[in-house]
Structure formats: C-alpha cells, structure tokens
C-alpha cells in the first residue's frame, strides 16, 4: 500500500515544517509563563523535625558470656551416653544371632518355625536397643529445656547436650539401618 492510497497515513505536505516548529516553540514559552518568581520554602530540616529525629543508635552491648554446663548436667549427659553405648554393645552382641536366624528363614513361609524364630530374634534385637532410644529421648528433652532457658543462642549447656545427642543419634541410626535390613530380608 502506498502513502497516497492509505487513509491512515497523512499525505505528504508540500508546506515547510516551520509552522509546526513555531507552534511547538510558542507552547513551550507559554508554559514557562505559568511559573512564579516567588521564594520557595527551604528544604532544610526545621527545629521541630530535628527533635523528632531518632538519635544515633548506641553501640550494641557485648554478648553475655553464658556459664559452662553444670557438673550435674555434665554427669547426666555422660550417663545417658554411656547407657546408649552399653545398649549398642548389647545390640552388637545379639545381631549375629538375628542375622543367622533371618538368613535361615529368608525363603521360608511365614508360618514356618524358621520364620517365627527369625521374628523372635529380630524382636530381641530391637528390645536390646531400648535403652539407647530412651537415652536419645532424654537428651532431646534436656536439649529442649536448655534451648527454652536460653532461646537467643546456643548456650554451652545446649551445645554439650547437642554433641551428646549427635553421638547417640548416630548409634540409633545405625541400629535402625540394621533392623530395617533384617526386616527387608525376612519379608522377601
């Protein structure tokens, strides 16, 4: 389509662009006449605004040093970890018998004596770790109490409990993995 036949496009004008420029210049000059030459208020702070501004923040006080765990707590944590380790030793002692019973019953039917014996052996293995699980629960409770007493950060007591929890949790996780493997082998 050409410019001559398109109704939306303006046709070429043979006139010079001078009238359009003059019109634009006149509009710009007329707008400048609207401004006044009066004085404007200062943008500086007024006295009222200065008193309403907050003062510079005081430096943060140094963090409070929390006391180390008490001897009673340290003894209790040590006892719970020792109980969990003892339970792990019992678990390790009963594990070979449970593994032999599960291997013997691996392809047996669920009503066979071998399968029932394997279930009993796995149950005895699970029962041998009850003390470790109870120790972990006690450590969890101690940790929750320590965190509640000092909610802002980890106190030395909470850190000591958390370290012990990590040790006992590793024992329990290892035991869980062994029992899951035996259960899986027995169910297939």
C-alpha atoms as a PDB file:
ATOM      1  CA  UNK A   1       0.000   0.000   0.000  1.00  0.00           C
ATOM      2  CA  UNK A   2       1.319   3.428  -0.769  1.00  0.00           C
ATOM      3  CA  UNK A   3       1.114   6.591   1.202  1.00  0.00           C
ATOM      4  CA  UNK A   4      -1.223   8.131  -1.338  1.00  0.00           C
ATOM      5  CA  UNK A   5      -3.815   5.324  -1.064  1.00  0.00           C
ATOM      6  CA  UNK A   6      -3.588   4.595   2.699  1.00  0.00           C
ATOM      7  CA  UNK A   7      -6.251   6.597   4.548  1.00  0.00           C
ATOM      8  CA  UNK A   8      -4.477   6.235   7.918  1.00  0.00           C
ATOM      9  CA  UNK A   9      -1.228   7.863   6.845  1.00  0.00           C
ATOM     10  CA  UNK A  10      -1.221  11.644   6.366  1.00  0.00           C
ATOM     11  CA  UNK A  11      -0.364  12.707   2.842  1.00  0.00           C
ATOM     12  CA  UNK A  12       2.938  14.405   2.133  1.00  0.00           C
ATOM     13  CA  UNK A  13       2.719  18.076   2.674  1.00  0.00           C
ATOM     14  CA  UNK A  14       4.396  20.468   0.370  1.00  0.00           C
ATOM     15  CA  UNK A  15       4.442  23.060   3.085  1.00  0.00           C
ATOM     16  CA  UNK A  16       7.577  23.683   5.105  1.00  0.00           C
ATOM     17  CA  UNK A  17       7.924  22.424   8.686  1.00  0.00           C
ATOM     18  CA  UNK A  18       8.337  25.957  10.020  1.00  0.00           C
ATOM     19  CA  UNK A  19       4.717  26.404  11.242  1.00  0.00           C
ATOM     20  CA  UNK A  20       4.950  23.199  13.320  1.00  0.00           C
ATOM     21  CA  UNK A  21       8.211  24.347  14.893  1.00  0.00           C
ATOM     22  CA  UNK A  22       6.778  27.740  15.690  1.00  0.00           C
ATOM     23  CA  UNK A  23       3.722  26.167  17.281  1.00  0.00           C
ATOM     24  CA  UNK A  24       5.879  23.942  19.494  1.00  0.00           C
ATOM     25  CA  UNK A  25       8.064  26.884  20.493  1.00  0.00           C
ATOM     26  CA  UNK A  26       5.033  29.008  21.350  1.00  0.00           C
ATOM     27  CA  UNK A  27       3.586  26.228  23.553  1.00  0.00           C
ATOM     28  CA  UNK A  28       6.876  25.873  25.427  1.00  0.00           C
ATOM     29  CA  UNK A  29       7.151  29.608  26.026  1.00  0.00           C
ATOM     30  CA  UNK A  30       3.575  29.861  27.227  1.00  0.00           C
ATOM     31  CA  UNK A  31       4.177  27.153  29.807  1.00  0.00           C
ATOM     32  CA  UNK A  32       7.143  28.979  31.274  1.00  0.00           C
ATOM     33  CA  UNK A  33       4.908  31.970  31.911  1.00  0.00           C
ATOM     34  CA  UNK A  34       2.951  29.891  34.434  1.00  0.00           C
ATOM     35  CA  UNK A  35       5.794  29.720  36.923  1.00  0.00           C
ATOM     36  CA  UNK A  36       6.151  32.394  39.545  1.00  0.00           C
ATOM     37  CA  UNK A  37       9.345  34.029  40.584  1.00  0.00           C
ATOM     38  CA  UNK A  38       8.442  33.955  44.271  1.00  0.00           C
ATOM     39  CA  UNK A  39      10.589  32.496  47.036  1.00  0.00           C
ATOM     40  CA  UNK A  40      10.224  28.821  47.824  1.00  0.00           C
ATOM     41  CA  UNK A  41      10.433  27.334  51.332  1.00  0.00           C
ATOM     42  CA  UNK A  42      13.757  25.877  52.359  1.00  0.00           C
ATOM     43  CA  UNK A  43      14.185  22.114  52.220  1.00  0.00           C
ATOM     44  CA  UNK A  44      16.430  22.150  55.281  1.00  0.00           C
ATOM     45  CA  UNK A  45      15.273  20.476  58.494  1.00  0.00           C
ATOM     46  CA  UNK A  46      13.187  22.657  60.791  1.00  0.00           C
ATOM     47  CA  UNK A  47      13.821  22.743  64.548  1.00  0.00           C
ATOM     48  CA  UNK A  48      10.774  20.560  65.203  1.00  0.00           C
ATOM     49  CA  UNK A  49      11.992  17.977  62.746  1.00  0.00           C
ATOM     50  CA  UNK A  50      15.431  17.842  64.343  1.00  0.00           C
ATOM     51  CA  UNK A  51      13.993  16.951  67.748  1.00  0.00           C
ATOM     52  CA  UNK A  52      11.751  14.281  66.242  1.00  0.00           C
ATOM     53  CA  UNK A  53      14.671  12.534  64.519  1.00  0.00           C
ATOM     54  CA  UNK A  54      15.923   9.425  66.306  1.00  0.00           C
ATOM     55  CA  UNK A  55      19.268   9.703  67.964  1.00  0.00           C
ATOM     56  CA  UNK A  56      22.192   7.705  66.678  1.00  0.00           C
ATOM     57  CA  UNK A  57      21.972   4.120  67.824  1.00  0.00           C
ATOM     58  CA  UNK A  58      24.107   3.241  70.792  1.00  0.00           C
ATOM     59  CA  UNK A  59      26.668   0.534  70.176  1.00  0.00           C
ATOM     60  CA  UNK A  60      25.391  -2.949  70.898  1.00  0.00           C
ATOM     61  CA  UNK A  61      26.407  -4.277  74.286  1.00  0.00           C
ATOM     62  CA  UNK A  62      28.913  -7.109  74.230  1.00  0.00           C
ATOM     63  CA  UNK A  63      27.338 -10.561  74.251  1.00  0.00           C
ATOM     64  CA  UNK A  64      26.800 -12.052  77.648  1.00  0.00           C
ATOM     65  CA  UNK A  65      29.096 -14.966  78.382  1.00  0.00           C
ATOM     66  CA  UNK A  66      26.950 -17.871  79.471  1.00  0.00           C
ATOM     67  CA  UNK A  67      28.230 -20.192  82.160  1.00  0.00           C
ATOM     68  CA  UNK A  68      29.532 -23.631  81.212  1.00  0.00           C
ATOM     69  CA  UNK A  69      27.310 -26.653  81.820  1.00  0.00           C
ATOM     70  CA  UNK A  70      26.907 -27.567  85.447  1.00  0.00           C
ATOM     71  CA  UNK A  71      28.654 -30.610  86.858  1.00  0.00           C
ATOM     72  CA  UNK A  72      25.253 -32.218  87.429  1.00  0.00           C
ATOM     73  CA  UNK A  73      24.279 -31.747  83.777  1.00  0.00           C
ATOM     74  CA  UNK A  74      27.646 -32.998  82.555  1.00  0.00           C
ATOM     75  CA  UNK A  75      27.313 -36.112  84.729  1.00  0.00           C
ATOM     76  CA  UNK A  76      23.770 -36.730  83.486  1.00  0.00           C
ATOM     77  CA  UNK A  77      24.809 -36.323  79.846  1.00  0.00           C
ATOM     78  CA  UNK A  78      27.743 -38.675  80.373  1.00  0.00           C
ATOM     79  CA  UNK A  79      25.468 -41.255  81.986  1.00  0.00           C
ATOM     80  CA  UNK A  80      22.992 -41.128  79.107  1.00  0.00           C
ATOM     81  CA  UNK A  81      25.744 -41.509  76.505  1.00  0.00           C
ATOM     82  CA  UNK A  82      27.265 -44.400  78.479  1.00  0.00           C
ATOM     83  CA  UNK A  83      23.862 -46.113  78.707  1.00  0.00           C
ATOM     84  CA  UNK A  84      23.392 -45.725  74.951  1.00  0.00           C
ATOM     85  CA  UNK A  85      26.840 -47.196  74.272  1.00  0.00           C
ATOM     86  CA  UNK A  86      26.095 -50.130  76.558  1.00  0.00           C
ATOM     87  CA  UNK A  87      22.828 -50.724  74.716  1.00  0.00           C
ATOM     88  CA  UNK A  88      24.763 -50.606  71.447  1.00  0.00           C
ATOM     89  CA  UNK A  89      27.144 -53.272  72.775  1.00  0.00           C
ATOM     90  CA  UNK A  90      24.162 -55.490  73.650  1.00  0.00           C
ATOM     91  CA  UNK A  91      22.732 -54.826  70.210  1.00  0.00           C
ATOM     92  CA  UNK A  92      26.023 -55.781  68.566  1.00  0.00           C
ATOM     93  CA  UNK A  93      26.176 -58.986  70.639  1.00  0.00           C
ATOM     94  CA  UNK A  94      22.661 -60.061  69.592  1.00  0.00           C
ATOM     95  CA  UNK A  95      22.952 -59.002  65.973  1.00  0.00           C
ATOM     96  CA  UNK A  96      24.837 -62.090  64.633  1.00  0.00           C
ATOM     97  CA  UNK A  97      22.200 -64.456  66.065  1.00  0.00           C
ATOM     98  CA  UNK A  98      19.413 -62.388  64.497  1.00  0.00           C
ATOM     99  CA  UNK A  99      21.236 -62.311  61.145  1.00  0.00           C
ATOM    100  CA  UNK A 100      21.682 -66.109  61.211  1.00  0.00           C
ATOM    101  CA  UNK A 101      18.006 -66.649  62.060  1.00  0.00           C
ATOM    102  CA  UNK A 102      16.882 -64.278  59.282  1.00  0.00           C
ATOM    103  CA  UNK A 103      19.217 -65.948  56.763  1.00  0.00           C
ATOM    104  CA  UNK A 104      17.801 -69.358  57.710  1.00  0.00           C
ATOM    105  CA  UNK A 105      14.230 -68.105  57.297  1.00  0.00           C
ATOM    106  CA  UNK A 106      14.802 -65.898  54.250  1.00  0.00           C
ATOM    107  CA  UNK A 107      12.904 -68.101  51.804  1.00  0.00           C
ATOM    108  CA  UNK A 108      10.570 -69.784  54.287  1.00  0.00           C
ATOM    109  CA  UNK A 109       6.853 -69.269  54.511  1.00  0.00           C
ATOM    110  CA  UNK A 110       5.523 -67.020  57.242  1.00  0.00           C
ATOM    111  CA  UNK A 111       4.010 -69.928  59.073  1.00  0.00           C
ATOM    112  CA  UNK A 112       7.252 -71.890  59.334  1.00  0.00           C
ATOM    113  CA  UNK A 113       9.195 -72.340  62.563  1.00  0.00           C
ATOM    114  CA  UNK A 114      12.296 -70.754  60.990  1.00  0.00           C
ATOM    115  CA  UNK A 115      10.372 -67.600  60.083  1.00  0.00           C
ATOM    116  CA  UNK A 116       8.846 -67.326  63.585  1.00  0.00           C
ATOM    117  CA  UNK A 117      12.282 -67.887  65.161  1.00  0.00           C
ATOM    118  CA  UNK A 118      13.710 -65.123  62.973  1.00  0.00           C
ATOM    119  CA  UNK A 119      10.928 -62.763  64.049  1.00  0.00           C
ATOM    120  CA  UNK A 120      11.682 -63.538  67.697  1.00  0.00           C
ATOM    121  CA  UNK A 121      15.399 -62.901  67.123  1.00  0.00           C
ATOM    122  CA  UNK A 122      14.708 -59.562  65.413  1.00  0.00           C
ATOM    123  CA  UNK A 123      12.345 -58.592  68.242  1.00  0.00           C
ATOM    124  CA  UNK A 124      15.038 -59.425  70.810  1.00  0.00           C
ATOM    125  CA  UNK A 125      17.470 -57.316  68.803  1.00  0.00           C
ATOM    126  CA  UNK A 126      15.027 -54.400  68.824  1.00  0.00           C
ATOM    127  CA  UNK A 127      14.461 -54.769  72.560  1.00  0.00           C
ATOM    128  CA  UNK A 128      18.213 -54.644  73.217  1.00  0.00           C
ATOM    129  CA  UNK A 129      18.344 -51.090  71.916  1.00  0.00           C
ATOM    130  CA  UNK A 130      15.516 -49.701  74.054  1.00  0.00           C
ATOM    131  CA  UNK A 131      17.981 -48.051  76.443  1.00  0.00           C
ATOM    132  CA  UNK A 132      19.694 -46.239  73.554  1.00  0.00           C
ATOM    133  CA  UNK A 133      16.365 -44.918  72.267  1.00  0.00           C
ATOM    134  CA  UNK A 134      15.353 -43.861  75.803  1.00  0.00           C
ATOM    135  CA  UNK A 135      18.707 -42.078  76.226  1.00  0.00           C
ATOM    136  CA  UNK A 136      18.135 -40.228  72.968  1.00  0.00           C
ATOM    137  CA  UNK A 137      14.672 -39.171  74.145  1.00  0.00           C
ATOM    138  CA  UNK A 138      16.104 -37.911  77.456  1.00  0.00           C
ATOM    139  CA  UNK A 139      18.804 -35.958  75.622  1.00  0.00           C
ATOM    140  CA  UNK A 140      16.153 -34.459  73.340  1.00  0.00           C
ATOM    141  CA  UNK A 141      14.196 -33.339  76.397  1.00  0.00           C
ATOM    142  CA  UNK A 142      17.297 -31.863  78.027  1.00  0.00           C
ATOM    143  CA  UNK A 143      18.139 -30.032  74.810  1.00  0.00           C
ATOM    144  CA  UNK A 144      14.639 -28.592  74.539  1.00  0.00           C
ATOM    145  CA  UNK A 145      14.842 -27.373  78.152  1.00  0.00           C
ATOM    146  CA  UNK A 146      18.270 -25.802  77.569  1.00  0.00           C
ATOM    147  CA  UNK A 147      17.081 -24.042  74.417  1.00  0.00           C
ATOM    148  CA  UNK A 148      13.988 -22.792  76.202  1.00  0.00           C
ATOM    149  CA  UNK A 149      16.106 -21.409  79.050  1.00  0.00           C
ATOM    150  CA  UNK A 150      18.332 -19.511  76.564  1.00  0.00           C
ATOM    151  CA  UNK A 151      16.275 -19.022  73.369  1.00  0.00           C
ATOM    152  CA  UNK A 152      18.508 -16.393  71.755  1.00  0.00           C
ATOM    153  CA  UNK A 153      21.570 -18.552  71.140  1.00  0.00           C
ATOM    154  CA  UNK A 154      23.168 -21.848  71.918  1.00  0.00           C
ATOM    155  CA  UNK A 155      24.323 -21.897  75.494  1.00  0.00           C
ATOM    156  CA  UNK A 156      27.306 -24.048  76.437  1.00  0.00           C
ATOM    157  CA  UNK A 157      24.830 -26.427  78.082  1.00  0.00           C
ATOM    158  CA  UNK A 158      22.788 -26.743  74.881  1.00  0.00           C
ATOM    159  CA  UNK A 159      25.980 -27.287  72.873  1.00  0.00           C
ATOM    160  CA  UNK A 160      27.137 -30.064  75.211  1.00  0.00           C
ATOM    161  CA  UNK A 161      23.743 -31.741  75.049  1.00  0.00           C
ATOM    162  CA  UNK A 162      23.632 -31.400  71.259  1.00  0.00           C
ATOM    163  CA  UNK A 163      27.048 -33.042  70.919  1.00  0.00           C
ATOM    164  CA  UNK A 164      25.887 -35.974  73.051  1.00  0.00           C
ATOM    165  CA  UNK A 165      22.629 -36.155  71.059  1.00  0.00           C
ATOM    166  CA  UNK A 166      24.651 -36.436  67.860  1.00  0.00           C
ATOM    167  CA  UNK A 167      26.645 -39.365  69.247  1.00  0.00           C
ATOM    168  CA  UNK A 168      23.580 -41.242  70.478  1.00  0.00           C
ATOM    169  CA  UNK A 169      21.625 -40.426  67.306  1.00  0.00           C
ATOM    170  CA  UNK A 170      24.416 -41.999  65.234  1.00  0.00           C
ATOM    171  CA  UNK A 171      24.163 -45.214  67.303  1.00  0.00           C
ATOM    172  CA  UNK A 172      20.370 -45.322  66.975  1.00  0.00           C
ATOM    173  CA  UNK A 173      20.527 -44.618  63.230  1.00  0.00           C
ATOM    174  CA  UNK A 174      22.989 -47.480  62.769  1.00  0.00           C
ATOM    175  CA  UNK A 175      20.711 -49.793  64.731  1.00  0.00           C
ATOM    176  CA  UNK A 176      17.686 -48.682  62.724  1.00  0.00           C
ATOM    177  CA  UNK A 177      19.505 -49.435  59.488  1.00  0.00           C
ATOM    178  CA  UNK A 178      20.471 -52.927  60.697  1.00  0.00           C
ATOM    179  CA  UNK A 179      16.905 -53.757  61.773  1.00  0.00           C
ATOM    180  CA  UNK A 180      15.445 -52.405  58.532  1.00  0.00           C
ATOM    181  CA  UNK A 181      17.866 -54.543  56.531  1.00  0.00           C
ATOM    182  CA  UNK A 182      16.908 -57.656  58.527  1.00  0.00           C
ATOM    183  CA  UNK A 183      13.181 -56.920  58.180  1.00  0.00           C
ATOM    184  CA  UNK A 184      13.562 -56.394  54.446  1.00  0.00           C
ATOM    185  CA  UNK A 185      15.471 -59.639  54.040  1.00  0.00           C
ATOM    186  CA  UNK A 186      12.899 -61.510  56.105  1.00  0.00           C
ATOM    187  CA  UNK A 187       9.919 -60.146  54.147  1.00  0.00           C
ATOM    188  CA  UNK A 188      11.282 -61.105  50.728  1.00  0.00           C
END
